[in-house]
Structures are given as structure tokens and as C-alpha cells.
N, C-alpha and C. Protein backbone atom coordinates (compact mmCIF):
# COMPACT_ATOMS: atom_id res chain seq x y z
N MET A 1 212.51 115.80 109.29
CA MET A 1 212.87 116.56 110.42
C MET A 1 213.78 115.91 111.31
N ILE A 2 214.87 116.49 111.60
CA ILE A 2 215.98 115.99 112.46
C ILE A 2 215.97 116.77 113.80
N PRO A 3 215.37 116.29 114.94
CA PRO A 3 215.42 117.11 116.22
C PRO A 3 216.91 116.79 116.93
N ILE A 4 217.48 117.87 117.46
CA ILE A 4 218.72 117.75 118.14
C ILE A 4 218.43 118.55 119.58
N TYR A 5 218.55 117.64 120.51
CA TYR A 5 218.28 118.34 122.04
C TYR A 5 219.49 118.21 122.78
N ASP A 6 220.50 117.44 122.57
CA ASP A 6 221.53 117.30 123.26
C ASP A 6 222.72 116.69 122.65
N ARG A 7 223.86 116.59 123.26
CA ARG A 7 225.06 116.02 122.62
C ARG A 7 224.93 114.70 121.81
N PRO A 8 224.25 113.52 122.47
CA PRO A 8 224.06 112.37 121.78
C PRO A 8 223.23 112.46 120.66
N SER A 9 222.11 113.38 120.60
CA SER A 9 221.23 113.37 119.50
C SER A 9 222.02 114.23 118.34
N ALA A 10 222.81 115.32 118.78
CA ALA A 10 223.75 115.97 117.73
C ALA A 10 224.59 114.91 117.01
N GLU A 11 225.42 114.02 117.79
CA GLU A 11 226.20 113.02 117.13
C GLU A 11 225.25 111.96 116.17
N ARG A 12 224.20 111.68 116.50
CA ARG A 12 223.33 110.99 115.72
C ARG A 12 223.07 111.49 114.39
N ALA A 13 222.77 112.98 114.39
CA ALA A 13 222.35 113.76 113.38
C ALA A 13 223.64 113.74 112.43
N LEU A 14 224.63 114.09 112.88
CA LEU A 14 225.78 114.27 111.98
C LEU A 14 226.18 112.92 111.53
N ALA A 15 225.81 111.74 112.15
CA ALA A 15 226.00 110.34 111.42
C ALA A 15 225.09 110.12 110.30
N CYS A 16 224.17 110.89 110.07
CA CYS A 16 223.14 110.91 109.10
C CYS A 16 223.74 111.37 107.66
N THR A 17 223.25 110.93 106.59
CA THR A 17 223.44 111.31 105.44
C THR A 17 222.65 112.69 105.22
N LEU A 18 223.66 113.90 105.00
CA LEU A 18 222.86 115.18 105.12
C LEU A 18 223.25 115.98 103.80
N ASP A 19 222.46 116.51 103.17
CA ASP A 19 222.75 117.46 101.94
C ASP A 19 224.08 118.48 102.48
N PRO A 20 225.06 118.57 101.70
CA PRO A 20 226.24 119.40 102.01
C PRO A 20 225.83 120.79 102.68
N PRO A 21 224.89 121.66 102.37
CA PRO A 21 224.63 122.86 102.90
C PRO A 21 224.12 122.73 104.32
N ILE A 22 223.14 121.68 104.54
CA ILE A 22 222.62 121.52 105.79
C ILE A 22 223.64 120.84 106.73
N ARG A 23 224.54 120.08 106.30
CA ARG A 23 225.62 119.64 107.14
C ARG A 23 226.38 120.68 107.65
N ALA A 24 226.71 121.59 106.65
CA ALA A 24 227.63 122.81 106.91
C ALA A 24 226.95 123.72 107.98
N ALA A 25 225.82 123.89 107.72
CA ALA A 25 224.96 124.76 108.88
C ALA A 25 224.81 124.16 110.10
N LEU A 26 224.66 122.85 110.12
CA LEU A 26 224.62 122.15 111.48
C LEU A 26 225.96 122.10 112.15
N GLU A 27 226.82 121.84 111.56
CA GLU A 27 228.36 121.81 111.99
C GLU A 27 228.65 123.03 112.63
N ALA A 28 228.44 124.22 111.64
CA ALA A 28 228.69 125.68 112.13
C ALA A 28 227.87 125.86 113.51
N GLU A 29 226.52 125.52 113.63
CA GLU A 29 225.80 125.91 114.67
C GLU A 29 226.20 125.18 116.04
N LEU A 30 226.66 123.82 115.67
CA LEU A 30 227.26 123.01 116.88
C LEU A 30 228.56 123.78 117.44
N ALA A 31 229.12 124.13 116.44
CA ALA A 31 230.66 124.73 116.84
C ALA A 31 230.42 126.12 117.65
N LEU A 32 229.31 126.78 117.46
CA LEU A 32 229.08 128.10 118.10
C LEU A 32 228.63 127.55 119.50
N LEU A 33 227.81 126.46 119.67
CA LEU A 33 227.18 126.18 120.93
C LEU A 33 228.49 125.52 121.88
N THR A 34 229.53 125.18 121.29
CA THR A 34 230.63 124.63 121.99
C THR A 34 231.78 125.31 122.01
N SER A 35 231.96 126.59 121.67
CA SER A 35 233.06 127.26 121.63
C SER A 35 233.39 127.85 123.03
N GLY A 36 234.56 128.21 123.18
CA GLY A 36 235.13 128.49 124.51
C GLY A 36 235.11 127.50 125.59
N GLU A 37 234.79 127.84 126.72
CA GLU A 37 234.76 127.04 127.77
C GLU A 37 233.46 126.40 128.16
N HIS A 38 232.55 126.65 127.42
CA HIS A 38 231.20 126.19 127.71
C HIS A 38 230.56 125.47 126.61
N ASP A 39 229.61 124.48 126.96
CA ASP A 39 228.84 123.89 126.19
C ASP A 39 227.38 124.01 126.06
N LEU A 40 226.77 124.79 125.11
CA LEU A 40 225.32 125.05 125.40
C LEU A 40 224.49 124.09 124.60
N THR A 41 224.77 123.05 124.11
CA THR A 41 224.10 121.95 123.34
C THR A 41 222.94 121.58 124.31
N ASP A 42 223.03 121.36 125.49
CA ASP A 42 221.80 120.96 126.12
C ASP A 42 220.85 122.15 126.62
N TRP A 43 221.17 123.24 126.36
CA TRP A 43 220.17 124.24 126.34
C TRP A 43 219.73 124.88 125.10
N THR A 44 219.91 124.46 124.13
CA THR A 44 219.63 124.53 122.73
C THR A 44 219.00 123.60 121.91
N ASP A 45 217.77 123.80 121.47
CA ASP A 45 217.28 122.67 120.52
C ASP A 45 217.61 123.08 119.23
N ILE A 46 217.90 122.31 118.33
CA ILE A 46 218.22 122.60 116.98
C ILE A 46 217.44 121.55 116.09
N ILE A 47 216.54 122.08 115.16
CA ILE A 47 215.61 121.17 114.33
C ILE A 47 215.97 121.54 112.89
N VAL A 48 216.51 120.29 112.30
CA VAL A 48 216.62 120.44 110.98
C VAL A 48 215.48 120.26 110.13
N VAL A 49 214.77 121.12 109.58
CA VAL A 49 213.77 121.01 108.76
C VAL A 49 213.97 120.58 107.47
N GLN A 50 213.05 119.64 107.01
CA GLN A 50 213.27 119.00 105.77
C GLN A 50 212.05 119.24 104.75
N LEU A 51 212.19 119.13 103.47
CA LEU A 51 211.08 119.38 102.49
C LEU A 51 210.22 118.49 102.80
N GLY A 52 208.72 118.69 102.97
CA GLY A 52 207.75 117.75 103.36
C GLY A 52 207.29 117.83 104.65
N ASP A 53 208.12 118.52 105.57
CA ASP A 53 207.67 118.65 107.07
C ASP A 53 206.49 119.55 107.00
N THR A 54 205.47 119.20 107.95
CA THR A 54 204.33 119.97 108.13
C THR A 54 204.46 120.92 109.24
N GLU A 55 203.72 121.94 109.27
CA GLU A 55 203.57 122.77 110.41
C GLU A 55 203.22 122.10 111.78
N GLU A 56 202.45 121.06 111.66
CA GLU A 56 201.99 120.51 112.80
C GLU A 56 203.19 119.77 113.39
N GLU A 57 203.95 119.27 112.49
CA GLU A 57 205.29 118.46 112.97
C GLU A 57 206.18 119.64 113.62
N ILE A 58 206.42 120.64 112.88
CA ILE A 58 207.18 121.75 113.59
C ILE A 58 206.82 122.01 114.92
N VAL A 59 205.46 122.32 115.08
CA VAL A 59 204.81 122.72 116.31
C VAL A 59 205.24 121.62 117.44
N ARG A 60 205.10 120.40 116.96
CA ARG A 60 205.23 119.38 117.87
C ARG A 60 206.79 119.12 118.46
N GLU A 61 207.51 119.43 117.51
CA GLU A 61 209.01 119.28 117.94
C GLU A 61 209.51 120.66 118.53
N ALA A 62 209.15 121.81 117.89
CA ALA A 62 209.58 123.08 118.31
C ALA A 62 208.83 123.75 119.48
N GLY A 63 207.43 123.38 119.53
CA GLY A 63 206.60 124.02 120.58
C GLY A 63 205.96 125.41 119.98
N PHE A 64 206.30 125.78 118.86
CA PHE A 64 205.69 126.90 118.22
C PHE A 64 205.59 126.87 116.53
N SER A 65 204.82 127.79 116.07
CA SER A 65 204.66 127.79 114.55
C SER A 65 205.40 128.98 114.04
N PRO A 66 206.24 129.06 113.35
CA PRO A 66 206.80 130.26 112.34
C PRO A 66 205.60 130.91 111.75
N PHE A 67 204.81 130.34 111.46
CA PHE A 67 203.71 130.73 110.71
C PHE A 67 202.59 131.69 111.35
N LYS A 68 202.67 131.56 112.82
CA LYS A 68 201.60 132.33 113.47
C LYS A 68 202.30 133.06 114.67
N ASN A 69 201.80 134.19 114.86
CA ASN A 69 202.28 135.09 115.90
C ASN A 69 201.36 134.84 117.18
N PRO A 70 202.14 134.29 118.25
CA PRO A 70 201.37 133.73 119.29
C PRO A 70 200.68 134.86 120.30
N LEU A 71 201.01 136.09 120.11
CA LEU A 71 200.44 137.32 120.73
C LEU A 71 199.31 137.96 120.01
N SER A 72 199.55 138.06 118.68
CA SER A 72 198.28 138.57 118.07
C SER A 72 197.34 137.53 117.43
N GLY A 73 197.63 136.32 117.17
CA GLY A 73 197.04 135.16 116.59
C GLY A 73 197.04 135.33 114.98
N LEU A 74 197.81 136.34 114.60
CA LEU A 74 197.83 136.59 113.15
C LEU A 74 198.74 135.58 112.48
N ARG A 75 198.34 135.09 111.19
CA ARG A 75 199.12 134.13 110.48
C ARG A 75 199.94 134.73 109.43
N PHE A 76 200.91 134.10 108.85
CA PHE A 76 201.69 134.60 107.68
C PHE A 76 200.72 134.85 106.56
N ASP A 77 200.84 135.97 105.85
CA ASP A 77 200.17 136.38 104.78
C ASP A 77 198.87 137.16 105.22
N GLU A 78 198.52 137.43 106.56
CA GLU A 78 197.52 138.02 106.86
C GLU A 78 197.86 139.54 107.25
N PRO A 79 197.13 140.54 107.10
CA PRO A 79 197.72 141.87 107.28
C PRO A 79 198.06 142.06 108.57
N GLY A 80 199.02 142.74 109.08
CA GLY A 80 199.57 142.99 110.30
C GLY A 80 200.42 141.75 110.90
N PHE A 81 200.58 140.86 110.07
CA PHE A 81 201.42 139.64 110.59
C PHE A 81 202.85 140.16 111.03
N GLU A 82 203.29 139.88 112.23
CA GLU A 82 204.64 140.12 112.66
C GLU A 82 205.34 138.84 113.09
N PRO A 83 206.54 138.55 112.53
CA PRO A 83 207.14 137.15 112.84
C PRO A 83 207.46 136.96 114.10
N PRO A 84 207.11 135.63 114.79
CA PRO A 84 207.44 135.43 116.06
C PRO A 84 208.73 135.06 116.53
N TRP A 85 209.81 135.09 115.61
CA TRP A 85 210.91 134.76 116.05
C TRP A 85 211.91 136.02 116.34
N ASN A 86 213.13 135.66 116.87
CA ASN A 86 213.98 136.79 117.40
C ASN A 86 215.02 137.03 116.35
N TYR A 87 215.31 136.06 115.48
CA TYR A 87 216.49 136.29 114.38
C TYR A 87 216.33 135.34 113.33
N LEU A 88 216.52 135.82 112.16
CA LEU A 88 216.34 135.15 110.96
C LEU A 88 217.59 135.44 109.80
N SER A 89 218.26 134.56 109.42
CA SER A 89 219.25 134.74 108.38
C SER A 89 219.37 133.74 107.36
N LEU A 90 220.05 134.07 106.22
CA LEU A 90 220.23 133.04 105.28
C LEU A 90 221.74 132.88 105.03
N CYS A 91 222.24 131.71 105.03
CA CYS A 91 223.77 131.42 104.75
C CYS A 91 224.04 130.17 104.10
N GLY A 92 224.54 130.27 102.97
CA GLY A 92 225.02 128.98 102.22
C GLY A 92 223.59 128.00 101.71
N GLY A 93 222.59 129.04 101.56
CA GLY A 93 221.31 128.22 101.05
C GLY A 93 220.41 127.67 102.21
N VAL A 94 220.71 127.82 103.51
CA VAL A 94 219.98 127.36 104.54
C VAL A 94 219.67 128.65 105.54
N PHE A 95 218.47 128.72 105.89
CA PHE A 95 217.90 129.77 106.79
C PHE A 95 218.21 129.33 108.12
N ARG A 96 218.55 130.24 108.89
CA ARG A 96 218.80 130.12 110.41
C ARG A 96 217.74 130.76 111.24
N LEU A 97 216.56 130.15 111.78
CA LEU A 97 215.50 130.85 112.42
C LEU A 97 215.64 130.59 113.89
N VAL A 98 215.79 131.69 114.81
CA VAL A 98 216.26 131.50 116.17
C VAL A 98 215.15 132.16 117.02
N VAL A 99 214.46 131.32 117.97
CA VAL A 99 213.41 131.72 119.02
C VAL A 99 214.14 131.51 120.35
N THR A 100 214.08 132.70 121.23
CA THR A 100 214.79 132.56 122.52
C THR A 100 213.47 132.57 123.44
N PHE A 101 213.97 131.73 124.44
CA PHE A 101 212.82 131.54 125.65
C PHE A 101 213.48 132.02 126.83
N GLY A 102 213.36 133.10 127.45
CA GLY A 102 214.06 133.65 128.58
C GLY A 102 215.48 133.94 128.20
N SER A 103 216.39 133.77 129.34
CA SER A 103 217.85 134.24 128.88
C SER A 103 218.57 132.85 128.76
N THR A 104 218.13 131.68 129.02
CA THR A 104 219.14 130.49 128.90
C THR A 104 218.67 129.47 127.80
N PHE A 105 217.56 129.65 127.07
CA PHE A 105 217.30 128.54 126.22
C PHE A 105 216.74 129.15 124.92
N ALA A 106 217.21 128.42 123.80
CA ALA A 106 216.71 128.75 122.34
C ALA A 106 216.41 127.64 121.61
N THR A 107 215.55 127.80 120.57
CA THR A 107 215.26 126.99 119.58
C THR A 107 215.65 127.43 118.35
N ILE A 108 216.55 126.69 117.52
CA ILE A 108 217.00 127.03 116.25
C ILE A 108 216.46 125.91 115.23
N LEU A 109 215.75 126.54 114.25
CA LEU A 109 215.37 125.89 112.97
C LEU A 109 216.43 126.08 111.80
N LEU A 110 216.92 125.23 111.31
CA LEU A 110 217.69 125.03 110.08
C LEU A 110 216.80 124.59 108.90
N ILE A 111 216.62 125.52 107.95
CA ILE A 111 215.58 125.40 106.85
C ILE A 111 216.28 125.59 105.74
N PRO A 112 216.27 124.40 104.87
CA PRO A 112 216.73 124.53 103.38
C PRO A 112 216.07 125.56 102.79
N ASN A 113 216.54 126.13 101.64
CA ASN A 113 215.94 127.25 100.87
C ASN A 113 215.00 126.70 100.01
N ASP A 114 214.78 125.25 99.83
CA ASP A 114 213.75 124.67 98.99
C ASP A 114 212.73 123.90 99.99
N ALA A 115 212.60 124.37 101.10
CA ALA A 115 211.77 123.60 102.02
C ALA A 115 210.19 124.04 101.92
N GLY A 116 209.62 124.23 100.82
CA GLY A 116 208.34 124.65 100.62
C GLY A 116 207.73 125.97 101.27
N PRO A 117 206.59 125.95 101.88
CA PRO A 117 206.07 127.04 102.38
C PRO A 117 206.97 127.81 103.43
N LEU A 118 207.47 127.11 104.34
CA LEU A 118 208.32 127.64 105.33
C LEU A 118 209.67 128.41 104.90
N ALA A 119 210.18 127.79 103.65
CA ALA A 119 211.19 128.62 103.00
C ALA A 119 210.65 129.78 102.24
N ARG A 120 209.55 129.87 101.84
CA ARG A 120 208.85 131.06 101.31
C ARG A 120 208.61 132.19 102.26
N LEU A 121 208.41 131.83 103.42
CA LEU A 121 208.11 132.67 104.57
C LEU A 121 209.44 133.20 104.94
N CYS A 122 210.39 132.35 104.96
CA CYS A 122 211.88 132.78 105.38
C CYS A 122 212.31 133.87 104.37
N ARG A 123 212.19 133.50 103.04
CA ARG A 123 212.56 134.40 101.99
C ARG A 123 212.09 135.69 102.05
N LYS A 124 210.78 135.79 102.46
CA LYS A 124 210.02 137.18 102.75
C LYS A 124 210.70 138.03 103.75
N TYR A 125 211.34 137.39 104.88
CA TYR A 125 211.68 138.01 106.08
C TYR A 125 213.06 138.03 106.36
N ALA A 126 213.99 137.36 105.56
CA ALA A 126 215.44 137.03 106.02
C ALA A 126 216.06 138.52 105.77
N ALA A 127 217.06 138.77 106.59
CA ALA A 127 217.82 140.09 106.51
C ALA A 127 218.78 139.90 105.45
């Protein structure tokens, strides 16, 4: 797992050796956050999920579990489960899962298509 909370942590992440699809997804995300006259890097957490990362680790870094709806308490694969995120897409073999908090803060998970159970969840719900 690679957490990115601000410009310095983004620079550290880009200095790492990353698989090409993950690097491309991260660079695209950072470009979106810094386009135009504003820089939303400090208002957006990006978490690069890696194969082997556990749900507990995701909760610790992101503050939520993609596997559990916080309102209903239902978990993925339980009848009636509704995903807790605002947006999910797949591009270049990497899922982009977005959860917004209010009008000024978001957490974005970048998830490789081979990242175990989380990728399975994403494959089921991706647009």
C-alpha cells in the first residue's frame, strides 16, 4: 500500500518503482488534481492498493472499508449490499474507486485488476 496525502508524499510515490499501469493511473490522478489554477493534492488522499494488502490495512489508511456499507452494515456478497463509494471505473487495468466526504475532501483508491478480493469486488461493480 502506498498512501499519498500531500505533494511530498506524491513525489515519494512517483520515485518508487511502480508497475506501468499503476504509474500511469497515479500520474493521471495527480494531473487531474493539479490542473488549472488550483492544486487539490492536499485535499485528496490517494491510496495505491497492492496485492496482499488487507481490509484492515485499507481501513487504517482510508478510514473505510470498500467491503462494508457503513449505513446498512452489510458486507460484500451479502444480500442487499450497496457499495459505499461514490464512483468506480476501470482504466488501463487499474480501478479508480472514489469516496467523497463533504464538498472539499475525497479519498481515491487505485486498485490493480489483480489485487485479490478487492479487485473481485471492483470487477462486479465497475461501470
